Amino acid sequence: GVAAATRRPGPAVGSVRMGPGGWLSVRGAPAR
């Protein structure tokens, strides 16, 4: 329980991938 409570969360932004047309696609990023 202590180990689970003190575990750091994962990254706020997902992986960066190449999207269609050469645009970068960032999964999980808030839309600007």
Full PDB file with SEQRES, HELIX, SHEET, SSBOND, CRYST1, ORIGX, SCALE, CONECT and MASTER records, all heavy atoms in Angstrom:
SEQRES   1 A   32  GLY VAL ALA ALA ALA THR ARG ARG PRO GLY PRO ALA VAL          
SEQRES   2 A   32  GLY SER VAL ARG MET GLY PRO GLY GLY TRP LEU SER VAL          
SEQRES   3 A   32  ARG GLY ALA PRO ALA ARG                                      
HELIX    1 AA1 VAL A    2  ALA A    5  1                                   4    
HELIX    2 AA2 PRO A   20  GLY A   22  5                                   3    
SHEET    1 AA1 2 VAL A  16  MET A  18  0                                        
SHEET    2 AA1 2 LEU A  24  VAL A  26 -1                                        
CRYST1    1.000    1.000    1.000  90.00  90.00  90.00 P 1           1          
ORIGX1      1.000000  0.000000  0.000000        0.00000                         
ORIGX2      0.000000  1.000000  0.000000        0.00000                         
ORIGX3      0.000000  0.000000  1.000000        0.00000                         
SCALE1      1.000000  0.000000  0.000000        0.00000                         
SCALE2      0.000000  1.000000  0.000000        0.00000                         
SCALE3      0.000000  0.000000  1.000000        0.00000                         
ATOM      1  N   GLY A   1       0.821  -1.216   0.000  1.00  0.00           N  
ATOM      2  CA  GLY A   1       0.000   0.000   0.000  1.00  0.00           C  
ATOM      3  C   GLY A   1       0.850   1.260   0.000  1.00  0.00           C  
ATOM      4  O   GLY A   1       0.561   2.212  -0.726  1.00  0.00           O  
ATOM      5  N   VAL A   2       1.894   1.272   0.808  1.00  0.00           N  
ATOM      6  CA  VAL A   2       2.792   2.436   0.834  1.00  0.00           C  
ATOM      7  C   VAL A   2       3.513   2.568  -0.500  1.00  0.00           C  
ATOM      8  O   VAL A   2       3.676   3.673  -1.029  1.00  0.00           O  
ATOM      9  CB  VAL A   2       3.791   2.316   2.009  1.00  0.00           C  
ATOM     10  CG1 VAL A   2       4.908   3.337   1.896  1.00  0.00           C  
ATOM     11  CG2 VAL A   2       3.063   2.469   3.331  1.00  0.00           C  
ATOM     12  N   ALA A   3       3.940   1.458  -1.071  1.00  0.00           N  
ATOM     13  CA  ALA A   3       4.628   1.509  -2.372  1.00  0.00           C  
ATOM     14  C   ALA A   3       3.692   2.034  -3.455  1.00  0.00           C  
ATOM     15  O   ALA A   3       4.101   2.819  -4.312  1.00  0.00           O  
ATOM     16  CB  ALA A   3       5.152   0.126  -2.747  1.00  0.00           C  
ATOM     17  N   ALA A   4       2.436   1.625  -3.428  1.00  0.00           N  
ATOM     18  CA  ALA A   4       1.483   2.107  -4.436  1.00  0.00           C  
ATOM     19  C   ALA A   4       1.154   3.575  -4.225  1.00  0.00           C  
ATOM     20  O   ALA A   4       0.960   4.326  -5.186  1.00  0.00           O  
ATOM     21  CB  ALA A   4       0.206   1.275  -4.386  1.00  0.00           C  
ATOM     22  N   ALA A   5       1.105   4.020  -2.978  1.00  0.00           N  
ATOM     23  CA  ALA A   5       0.767   5.422  -2.701  1.00  0.00           C  
ATOM     24  C   ALA A   5       1.908   6.367  -3.063  1.00  0.00           C  
ATOM     25  O   ALA A   5       1.671   7.513  -3.447  1.00  0.00           O  
ATOM     26  CB  ALA A   5       0.411   5.582  -1.224  1.00  0.00           C  
ATOM     27  N   THR A   6       3.133   5.906  -2.955  1.00  0.00           N  
ATOM     28  CA  THR A   6       4.273   6.781  -3.233  1.00  0.00           C  
ATOM     29  C   THR A   6       4.794   6.641  -4.652  1.00  0.00           C  
ATOM     30  O   THR A   6       5.777   7.289  -5.010  1.00  0.00           O  
ATOM     31  CB  THR A   6       5.424   6.492  -2.251  1.00  0.00           C  
ATOM     32  OG1 THR A   6       5.807   5.128  -2.374  1.00  0.00           O  
ATOM     33  CG2 THR A   6       4.998   6.784  -0.833  1.00  0.00           C  
ATOM     34  N   ARG A   7       4.133   5.814  -5.462  1.00  0.00           N  
ATOM     35  CA  ARG A   7       4.575   5.617  -6.843  1.00  0.00           C  
ATOM     36  C   ARG A   7       4.300   6.862  -7.670  1.00  0.00           C  
ATOM     37  O   ARG A   7       3.245   7.460  -7.567  1.00  0.00           O  
ATOM     38  CB  ARG A   7       3.829   4.431  -7.444  1.00  0.00           C  
ATOM     39  CG  ARG A   7       4.283   4.077  -8.805  1.00  0.00           C  
ATOM     40  CD  ARG A   7       3.617   2.786  -9.262  1.00  0.00           C  
ATOM     41  NE  ARG A   7       3.936   2.577 -10.651  1.00  0.00           N  
ATOM     42  CZ  ARG A   7       3.029   2.540 -11.611  1.00  0.00           C  
ATOM     43  NH1 ARG A   7       1.764   2.629 -11.332  1.00  0.00           N  
ATOM     44  NH2 ARG A   7       3.401   2.365 -12.848  1.00  0.00           N  
ATOM     45  N   ARG A   8       5.264   7.240  -8.470  1.00  0.00           N  
ATOM     46  CA  ARG A   8       5.096   8.416  -9.320  1.00  0.00           C  
ATOM     47  C   ARG A   8       4.178   8.091 -10.478  1.00  0.00           C  
ATOM     48  O   ARG A   8       4.253   7.016 -11.056  1.00  0.00           O  
ATOM     49  CB  ARG A   8       6.443   8.864  -9.877  1.00  0.00           C  
ATOM     50  CG  ARG A   8       7.335   9.478  -8.839  1.00  0.00           C  
ATOM     51  CD  ARG A   8       8.643   9.929  -9.397  1.00  0.00           C  
ATOM     52  NE  ARG A   8       8.555  10.318 -10.801  1.00  0.00           N  
ATOM     53  CZ  ARG A   8       9.591  10.524 -11.576  1.00  0.00           C  
ATOM     54  NH1 ARG A   8      10.785  10.360 -11.106  1.00  0.00           N  
ATOM     55  NH2 ARG A   8       9.435  10.873 -12.841  1.00  0.00           N  
ATOM     56  N   PRO A   9       3.322   9.034 -10.840  1.00  0.00           N  
ATOM     57  CA  PRO A   9       2.452   8.779 -11.998  1.00  0.00           C  
ATOM     58  C   PRO A   9       3.264   8.796 -13.286  1.00  0.00           C  
ATOM     59  O   PRO A   9       4.384   9.301 -13.332  1.00  0.00           O  
ATOM     60  CB  PRO A   9       1.457   9.932 -11.959  1.00  0.00           C  
ATOM     61  CG  PRO A   9       2.166  11.019 -11.231  1.00  0.00           C  
ATOM     62  CD  PRO A   9       3.075  10.340 -10.249  1.00  0.00           C  
ATOM     63  N   GLY A  10       2.671   8.253 -14.330  1.00  0.00           N  
ATOM     64  CA  GLY A  10       3.338   8.237 -15.628  1.00  0.00           C  
ATOM     65  C   GLY A  10       3.422   9.642 -16.210  1.00  0.00           C  
ATOM     66  O   GLY A  10       2.959  10.622 -15.627  1.00  0.00           O  
ATOM     67  N   PRO A  11       4.005   9.779 -17.371  1.00  0.00           N  
ATOM     68  CA  PRO A  11       4.132  11.099 -17.975  1.00  0.00           C  
ATOM     69  C   PRO A  11       2.767  11.671 -18.328  1.00  0.00           C  
ATOM     70  O   PRO A  11       1.826  10.950 -18.630  1.00  0.00           O  
ATOM     71  CB  PRO A  11       4.961  10.848 -19.234  1.00  0.00           C  
ATOM     72  CG  PRO A  11       4.772   9.408 -19.533  1.00  0.00           C  
ATOM     73  CD  PRO A  11       4.564   8.735 -18.223  1.00  0.00           C  
ATOM     74  N   ALA A  12       2.669  13.009 -18.279  1.00  0.00           N  
ATOM     75  CA  ALA A  12       1.404  13.676 -18.572  1.00  0.00           C  
ATOM     76  C   ALA A  12       1.092  13.639 -20.060  1.00  0.00           C  
ATOM     77  O   ALA A  12      -0.054  13.745 -20.458  1.00  0.00           O  
ATOM     78  CB  ALA A  12       1.466  15.121 -18.088  1.00  0.00           C  
ATOM     79  N   VAL A  13       2.113  13.513 -20.880  1.00  0.00           N  
ATOM     80  CA  VAL A  13       1.921  13.492 -22.329  1.00  0.00           C  
ATOM     81  C   VAL A  13       2.387  12.143 -22.847  1.00  0.00           C  
ATOM     82  O   VAL A  13       3.398  11.620 -22.419  1.00  0.00           O  
ATOM     83  CB  VAL A  13       2.734  14.630 -22.999  1.00  0.00           C  
ATOM     84  CG1 VAL A  13       2.598  14.558 -24.494  1.00  0.00           C  
ATOM     85  CG2 VAL A  13       2.281  15.963 -22.480  1.00  0.00           C  
ATOM     86  N   GLY A  14       1.628  11.590 -23.770  1.00  0.00           N  
ATOM     87  CA  GLY A  14       1.966  10.289 -24.329  1.00  0.00           C  
ATOM     88  C   GLY A  14       3.117  10.378 -25.306  1.00  0.00           C  
ATOM     89  O   GLY A  14       3.860  11.365 -25.375  1.00  0.00           O  
ATOM     90  N   SER A  15       3.247   9.360 -26.091  1.00  0.00           N  
ATOM     91  CA  SER A  15       4.360   9.272 -27.020  1.00  0.00           C  
ATOM     92  C   SER A  15       4.169  10.233 -28.197  1.00  0.00           C  
ATOM     93  O   SER A  15       3.063  10.565 -28.583  1.00  0.00           O  
ATOM     94  CB  SER A  15       4.489   7.846 -27.537  1.00  0.00           C  
ATOM     95  OG  SER A  15       3.303   7.486 -28.213  1.00  0.00           O  
ATOM     96  N   VAL A  16       5.281  10.675 -28.748  1.00  0.00           N  
ATOM     97  CA  VAL A  16       5.271  11.568 -29.906  1.00  0.00           C  
ATOM     98  C   VAL A  16       5.465  10.710 -31.143  1.00  0.00           C  
ATOM     99  O   VAL A  16       6.401   9.930 -31.223  1.00  0.00           O  
ATOM    100  CB  VAL A  16       6.385  12.633 -29.790  1.00  0.00           C  
ATOM    101  CG1 VAL A  16       6.394  13.517 -31.003  1.00  0.00           C  
ATOM    102  CG2 VAL A  16       6.215  13.442 -28.524  1.00  0.00           C  
ATOM    103  N   ARG A  17       4.568  10.858 -32.099  1.00  0.00           N  
ATOM    104  CA  ARG A  17       4.651  10.066 -33.334  1.00  0.00           C  
ATOM    105  C   ARG A  17       4.503  10.990 -34.537  1.00  0.00           C  
ATOM    106  O   ARG A  17       3.996  12.090 -34.424  1.00  0.00           O  
ATOM    107  CB  ARG A  17       3.546   9.023 -33.369  1.00  0.00           C  
ATOM    108  CG  ARG A  17       3.674   8.041 -32.236  1.00  0.00           C  
ATOM    109  CD  ARG A  17       2.545   7.073 -32.259  1.00  0.00           C  
ATOM    110  NE  ARG A  17       2.615   6.254 -31.063  1.00  0.00           N  
ATOM    111  CZ  ARG A  17       2.530   4.962 -31.056  1.00  0.00           C  
ATOM    112  NH1 ARG A  17       2.355   4.308 -32.165  1.00  0.00           N  
ATOM    113  NH2 ARG A  17       2.608   4.285 -29.953  1.00  0.00           N  
ATOM    114  N   MET A  18       4.925  10.485 -35.664  1.00  0.00           N  
ATOM    115  CA  MET A  18       4.777  11.236 -36.900  1.00  0.00           C  
ATOM    116  C   MET A  18       3.356  11.027 -37.400  1.00  0.00           C  
ATOM    117  O   MET A  18       2.922   9.914 -37.624  1.00  0.00           O  
ATOM    118  CB  MET A  18       5.784  10.751 -37.940  1.00  0.00           C  
ATOM    119  CG  MET A  18       5.821  11.610 -39.175  1.00  0.00           C  
ATOM    120  SD  MET A  18       6.387  13.284 -38.865  1.00  0.00           S  
ATOM    121  CE  MET A  18       8.100  13.022 -38.568  1.00  0.00           C  
ATOM    122  N   GLY A  19       2.624  12.114 -37.549  1.00  0.00           N  
ATOM    123  CA  GLY A  19       1.250  12.050 -38.009  1.00  0.00           C  
ATOM    124  C   GLY A  19       1.162  12.117 -39.522  1.00  0.00           C  
ATOM    125  O   GLY A  19       2.178  12.131 -40.227  1.00  0.00           O  
ATOM    126  N   PRO A  20      -0.049  12.176 -40.031  1.00  0.00           N  
ATOM    127  CA  PRO A  20      -0.219  12.247 -41.478  1.00  0.00           C  
ATOM    128  C   PRO A  20       0.316  13.566 -42.032  1.00  0.00           C  
ATOM    129  O   PRO A  20       0.165  14.613 -41.429  1.00  0.00           O  
ATOM    130  CB  PRO A  20      -1.734  12.128 -41.665  1.00  0.00           C  
ATOM    131  CG  PRO A  20      -2.316  12.510 -40.359  1.00  0.00           C  
ATOM    132  CD  PRO A  20      -1.323  12.161 -39.322  1.00  0.00           C  
ATOM    133  N   GLY A  21       0.951  13.501 -43.150  1.00  0.00           N  
ATOM    134  CA  GLY A  21       1.474  14.711 -43.783  1.00  0.00           C  
ATOM    135  C   GLY A  21       2.742  15.233 -43.139  1.00  0.00           C  
ATOM    136  O   GLY A  21       3.174  16.341 -43.419  1.00  0.00           O  
ATOM    137  N   GLY A  22       3.365  14.466 -42.263  1.00  0.00           N  
ATOM    138  CA  GLY A  22       4.609  14.913 -41.639  1.00  0.00           C  
ATOM    139  C   GLY A  22       4.405  15.729 -40.385  1.00  0.00           C  
ATOM    140  O   GLY A  22       5.353  16.229 -39.799  1.00  0.00           O  
ATOM    141  N   TRP A  23       3.180  15.885 -39.912  1.00  0.00           N  
ATOM    142  CA  TRP A  23       2.916  16.632 -38.682  1.00  0.00           C  
ATOM    143  C   TRP A  23       3.229  15.750 -37.490  1.00  0.00           C  
ATOM    144  O   TRP A  23       3.066  14.551 -37.533  1.00  0.00           O  
ATOM    145  CB  TRP A  23       1.451  17.065 -38.619  1.00  0.00           C  
ATOM    146  CG  TRP A  23       1.087  18.059 -39.654  1.00  0.00           C  
ATOM    147  CD1 TRP A  23       0.618  17.812 -40.905  1.00  0.00           C  
ATOM    148  CD2 TRP A  23       1.187  19.458 -39.532  1.00  0.00           C  
ATOM    149  NE1 TRP A  23       0.405  18.963 -41.573  1.00  0.00           N  
ATOM    150  CE2 TRP A  23       0.746  20.011 -40.754  1.00  0.00           C  
ATOM    151  CE3 TRP A  23       1.601  20.314 -38.533  1.00  0.00           C  
ATOM    152  CZ2 TRP A  23       0.709  21.377 -40.982  1.00  0.00           C  
ATOM    153  CZ3 TRP A  23       1.559  21.667 -38.759  1.00  0.00           C  
ATOM    154  CH2 TRP A  23       1.124  22.186 -39.979  1.00  0.00           C  
ATOM    155  N   LEU A  24       3.672  16.363 -36.411  1.00  0.00           N  
ATOM    156  CA  LEU A  24       3.920  15.618 -35.181  1.00  0.00           C  
ATOM    157  C   LEU A  24       2.606  15.412 -34.450  1.00  0.00           C  
ATOM    158  O   LEU A  24       1.794  16.317 -34.345  1.00  0.00           O  
ATOM    159  CB  LEU A  24       4.882  16.362 -34.269  1.00  0.00           C  
ATOM    160  CG  LEU A  24       6.335  16.374 -34.721  1.00  0.00           C  
ATOM    161  CD1 LEU A  24       7.167  17.154 -33.725  1.00  0.00           C  
ATOM    162  CD2 LEU A  24       6.870  14.983 -34.866  1.00  0.00           C  
ATOM    163  N   SER A  25       2.408  14.215 -33.976  1.00  0.00           N  
ATOM    164  CA  SER A  25       1.208  13.872 -33.223  1.00  0.00           C  
ATOM    165  C   SER A  25       1.623  13.510 -31.807  1.00  0.00           C  
ATOM    166  O   SER A  25       2.417  12.609 -31.603  1.00  0.00           O  
ATOM    167  CB  SER A  25       0.504  12.690 -33.882  1.00  0.00           C  
ATOM    168  OG  SER A  25      -0.571  12.275 -33.091  1.00  0.00           O  
ATOM    169  N   VAL A  26       1.102  14.249 -30.827  1.00  0.00           N  
ATOM    170  CA  VAL A  26       1.420  13.998 -29.430  1.00  0.00           C  
ATOM    171  C   VAL A  26       0.165  13.463 -28.764  1.00  0.00           C  
ATOM    172  O   VAL A  26      -0.822  14.178 -28.645  1.00  0.00           O  
ATOM    173  CB  VAL A  26       1.909  15.278 -28.723  1.00  0.00           C  
ATOM    174  CG1 VAL A  26       2.254  14.974 -27.276  1.00  0.00           C  
ATOM    175  CG2 VAL A  26       3.101  15.861 -29.447  1.00  0.00           C  
ATOM    176  N   ARG A  27       0.204  12.221 -28.339  1.00  0.00           N  
ATOM    177  CA  ARG A  27      -0.966  11.609 -27.715  1.00  0.00           C  
ATOM    178  C   ARG A  27      -1.105  12.104 -26.284  1.00  0.00           C  
ATOM    179  O   ARG A  27      -0.161  12.142 -25.536  1.00  0.00           O  
ATOM    180  CB  ARG A  27      -0.836  10.105 -27.718  1.00  0.00           C  
ATOM    181  CG  ARG A  27      -0.714   9.564 -29.118  1.00  0.00           C  
ATOM    182  CD  ARG A  27      -0.848   8.113 -29.123  1.00  0.00           C  
ATOM    183  NE  ARG A  27      -2.286   7.848 -29.013  1.00  0.00           N  
ATOM    184  CZ  ARG A  27      -2.819   6.661 -28.945  1.00  0.00           C  
ATOM    185  NH1 ARG A  27      -2.058   5.615 -28.948  1.00  0.00           N  
ATOM    186  NH2 ARG A  27      -4.116   6.499 -28.860  1.00  0.00           N  
ATOM    187  N   GLY A  28      -2.317  12.477 -25.925  1.00  0.00           N  
ATOM    188  CA  GLY A  28      -2.601  12.886 -24.558  1.00  0.00           C  
ATOM    189  C   GLY A  28      -2.308  14.337 -24.268  1.00  0.00           C  
ATOM    190  O   GLY A  28      -2.504  14.784 -23.144  1.00  0.00           O  
ATOM    191  N   ALA A  29      -1.812  15.083 -25.225  1.00  0.00           N  
ATOM    192  CA  ALA A  29      -1.519  16.495 -24.992  1.00  0.00           C  
ATOM    193  C   ALA A  29      -2.809  17.301 -25.061  1.00  0.00           C  
ATOM    194  O   ALA A  29      -3.686  17.014 -25.866  1.00  0.00           O  
ATOM    195  CB  ALA A  29      -0.528  17.015 -26.034  1.00  0.00           C  
ATOM    196  N   PRO A  30      -2.951  18.313 -24.219  1.00  0.00           N  
ATOM    197  CA  PRO A  30      -4.153  19.135 -24.304  1.00  0.00           C  
ATOM    198  C   PRO A  30      -4.149  19.930 -25.608  1.00  0.00           C  
ATOM    199  O   PRO A  30      -3.109  20.388 -26.074  1.00  0.00           O  
ATOM    200  CB  PRO A  30      -4.051  20.054 -23.086  1.00  0.00           C  
ATOM    201  CG  PRO A  30      -2.609  20.062 -22.724  1.00  0.00           C  
ATOM    202  CD  PRO A  30      -2.055  18.738 -23.151  1.00  0.00           C  
ATOM    203  N   ALA A  31      -5.310  20.081 -26.180  1.00  0.00           N  
ATOM    204  CA  ALA A  31      -5.410  20.816 -27.443  1.00  0.00           C  
ATOM    205  C   ALA A  31      -5.192  22.305 -27.192  1.00  0.00           C  
ATOM    206  O   ALA A  31      -5.744  22.881 -26.267  1.00  0.00           O  
ATOM    207  CB  ALA A  31      -6.777  20.582 -28.063  1.00  0.00           C  
ATOM    208  N   ARG A  32      -4.370  22.911 -28.011  1.00  0.00           N  
ATOM    209  CA  ARG A  32      -4.121  24.350 -27.884  1.00  0.00           C  
ATOM    210  C   ARG A  32      -5.051  25.077 -28.833  1.00  0.00           C  
ATOM    211  O   ARG A  32      -5.138  24.765 -30.005  1.00  0.00           O  
ATOM    212  CB  ARG A  32      -2.668  24.664 -28.236  1.00  0.00           C  
ATOM    213  CG  ARG A  32      -1.703  24.026 -27.254  1.00  0.00           C  
ATOM    214  CD  ARG A  32      -0.296  24.349 -27.595  1.00  0.00           C  
ATOM    215  NE  ARG A  32      -0.087  25.766 -27.414  1.00  0.00           N  
ATOM    216  CZ  ARG A  32       0.955  26.442 -27.873  1.00  0.00           C  
ATOM    217  NH1 ARG A  32       1.886  25.818 -28.519  1.00  0.00           N  
ATOM    218  NH2 ARG A  32       1.065  27.729 -27.672  1.00  0.00           N  
TER     219      ARG A  32                                                      
MASTER        0    0    0    2    2    0    0    6  218    1    0    3          
END                                                                             
